[in-house]
């Protein structure tokens, strides 16, 4: 069983997948930082200083024992207050769109660098093969 595991792990596609996951996680952190530190503050500046992370709709009452900032989404979420965090959702949506756009550009550039191999010449069609078989069968004596 150990030999099978070693063979499985040493296959190229498993190692490629592992490298892809690690690089993807690091790339995700870069995109998250870009969104949270550059793009969302810029959007907030355009909209008059709006901080989207603290936009939410309360669905339940804030507990009497809560002593934190009643406008802080993260603090209220940690306290277990039910709410819809549409500002956080908007931030995550922008994160996703940026990540998808960058991946699209990378794939497009990779496709330009590695054009698809020319297709193999097409063989005879199915109709041609069937006609050839029919003709051969006609040549045989009954």
Protein backbone atom coordinates (compact mmCIF):
# COMPACT_ATOMS: atom_id res chain seq x y z
CA UNK A 1 0.00 0.00 0.00
CA UNK A 2 2.89 2.37 0.72
CA UNK A 3 4.29 1.74 -2.78
CA UNK A 4 0.91 2.53 -4.34
CA UNK A 5 0.70 5.77 -2.35
CA UNK A 6 4.24 6.71 -3.41
CA UNK A 7 3.37 6.03 -7.06
CA UNK A 8 0.18 8.09 -6.74
CA UNK A 9 1.95 11.07 -5.17
CA UNK A 10 4.85 11.03 -7.61
CA UNK A 11 2.58 11.21 -10.66
CA UNK A 12 2.99 14.53 -12.44
CA UNK A 13 -0.62 15.65 -12.36
CA UNK A 14 -0.87 15.34 -8.56
CA UNK A 15 2.22 17.48 -8.08
CA UNK A 16 0.97 19.98 -10.66
CA UNK A 17 -2.33 20.21 -8.81
CA UNK A 18 -0.58 20.78 -5.48
CA UNK A 19 1.55 23.56 -6.96
CA UNK A 20 -1.55 25.09 -8.56
CA UNK A 21 -3.44 25.10 -5.26
CA UNK A 22 -0.56 26.72 -3.38
CA UNK A 23 -0.02 29.39 -6.03
CA UNK A 24 -3.78 29.93 -6.28
CA UNK A 25 -4.05 30.51 -2.52
CA UNK A 26 -1.20 33.03 -2.61
CA UNK A 27 -2.69 34.73 -5.66
CA UNK A 28 -6.07 34.90 -3.90
CA UNK A 29 -4.45 36.78 -1.01
CA UNK A 30 -2.94 39.28 -3.44
CA UNK A 31 -6.30 39.87 -5.12
CA UNK A 32 -8.03 40.20 -1.74
CA UNK A 33 -5.46 42.78 -0.67
CA UNK A 34 -5.87 44.64 -3.97
CA UNK A 35 -9.63 44.71 -3.52
CA UNK A 36 -9.71 45.64 0.17
CA UNK A 37 -6.75 48.04 0.19
CA UNK A 38 -6.98 49.75 -3.20
CA UNK A 39 -10.20 49.22 -5.14
CA UNK A 40 -12.87 49.36 -2.40
CA UNK A 41 -11.36 52.49 -0.76
CA UNK A 42 -11.29 54.09 -4.23
CA UNK A 43 -14.94 53.16 -4.77
CA UNK A 44 -15.68 54.52 -1.29
CA UNK A 45 -13.92 57.76 -2.17
CA UNK A 46 -15.96 58.06 -5.39
CA UNK A 47 -19.19 57.49 -3.43
CA UNK A 48 -18.30 60.08 -0.79
CA UNK A 49 -16.32 58.12 1.79
CA UNK A 50 -18.61 55.12 1.99
CA UNK A 51 -17.05 52.09 3.70
CA UNK A 52 -18.82 49.10 2.21
CA UNK A 53 -17.64 46.62 4.83
CA UNK A 54 -19.98 48.12 7.42
CA UNK A 55 -23.15 48.14 5.32
CA UNK A 56 -25.67 45.66 6.63
CA UNK A 57 -29.31 45.17 7.56
CA UNK A 58 -30.10 43.96 11.07
CA UNK A 59 -32.47 41.01 11.23
CA UNK A 60 -32.54 40.69 15.01
CA UNK A 61 -32.07 42.93 17.99
CA UNK A 62 -28.61 43.67 19.29
CA UNK A 63 -28.13 41.94 22.68
CA UNK A 64 -28.25 44.18 25.76
CA UNK A 65 -24.84 42.84 26.81
CA UNK A 66 -23.17 44.06 23.59
CA UNK A 67 -20.68 46.82 24.42
CA UNK A 68 -18.97 47.26 21.03
CA UNK A 69 -19.63 49.61 18.15
CA UNK A 70 -23.21 49.12 16.93
CA UNK A 71 -22.18 50.07 13.38
CA UNK A 72 -19.29 47.57 13.14
CA UNK A 73 -20.35 44.59 11.01
CA UNK A 74 -17.51 42.34 12.19
CA UNK A 75 -18.17 43.03 15.89
CA UNK A 76 -21.91 42.45 15.53
CA UNK A 77 -21.32 39.27 13.54
CA UNK A 78 -18.98 37.99 16.25
CA UNK A 79 -21.65 38.75 18.85
CA UNK A 80 -24.05 36.51 16.92
CA UNK A 81 -26.43 39.19 15.69
CA UNK A 82 -28.44 38.04 12.67
CA UNK A 83 -27.95 40.43 9.74
CA UNK A 84 -27.52 40.66 6.00
CA UNK A 85 -24.04 41.98 5.22
CA UNK A 86 -24.55 43.35 1.73
CA UNK A 87 -21.41 45.49 1.98
CA UNK A 88 -19.28 42.42 2.71
CA UNK A 89 -21.02 40.60 -0.14
CA UNK A 90 -20.25 43.48 -2.51
CA UNK A 91 -16.59 43.36 -1.48
CA UNK A 92 -16.43 39.58 -2.06
CA UNK A 93 -18.17 40.00 -5.42
CA UNK A 94 -15.60 42.58 -6.53
CA UNK A 95 -12.86 40.18 -5.32
CA UNK A 96 -14.31 37.39 -7.45
CA UNK A 97 -14.70 39.56 -10.54
CA UNK A 98 -11.12 40.80 -10.31
CA UNK A 99 -9.81 37.27 -9.80
CA UNK A 100 -11.89 35.93 -12.70
CA UNK A 101 -10.72 38.76 -14.96
CA UNK A 102 -7.05 38.18 -14.13
CA UNK A 103 -7.38 34.43 -14.68
CA UNK A 104 -9.09 35.14 -18.01
CA UNK A 105 -6.18 37.37 -19.05
CA UNK A 106 -3.61 34.76 -17.98
CA UNK A 107 -5.38 31.98 -19.90
CA UNK A 108 -5.74 34.23 -22.94
CA UNK A 109 -2.00 35.07 -22.85
CA UNK A 110 -1.07 31.40 -22.38
CA UNK A 111 -3.23 30.42 -25.36
CA UNK A 112 -1.49 33.05 -27.47
CA UNK A 113 1.95 31.74 -26.46
CA UNK A 114 0.99 28.08 -27.00
CA UNK A 115 -1.21 27.90 -30.08
CA UNK A 116 -3.14 24.66 -30.47
CA UNK A 117 -1.39 21.91 -32.41
CA UNK A 118 -2.62 21.51 -35.97
CA UNK A 119 -5.37 18.98 -36.24
CA UNK A 120 -4.51 15.60 -37.67
CA UNK A 121 -5.70 15.17 -41.23
CA UNK A 122 -9.21 13.85 -41.28
CA UNK A 123 -9.62 10.27 -42.39
CA UNK A 124 -12.45 8.97 -44.51
CA UNK A 125 -15.93 9.75 -43.27
CA UNK A 126 -18.23 7.11 -41.86
CA UNK A 127 -20.26 7.15 -45.09
CA UNK A 128 -17.08 6.57 -47.14
CA UNK A 129 -16.08 3.61 -44.96
CA UNK A 130 -19.53 2.06 -45.19
CA UNK A 131 -19.56 2.49 -48.97
CA UNK A 132 -16.14 0.83 -49.16
CA UNK A 133 -17.34 -2.10 -47.04
CA UNK A 134 -20.44 -2.42 -49.22
CA UNK A 135 -18.35 -2.47 -52.38
CA UNK A 136 -16.03 -5.13 -50.95
CA UNK A 137 -18.99 -7.28 -49.94
CA UNK A 138 -20.43 -6.98 -53.46
CA UNK A 139 -17.18 -8.29 -54.92
CA UNK A 140 -17.38 -11.53 -52.91
CA UNK A 141 -19.02 -14.50 -54.56
CA UNK A 142 -22.26 -15.62 -53.00
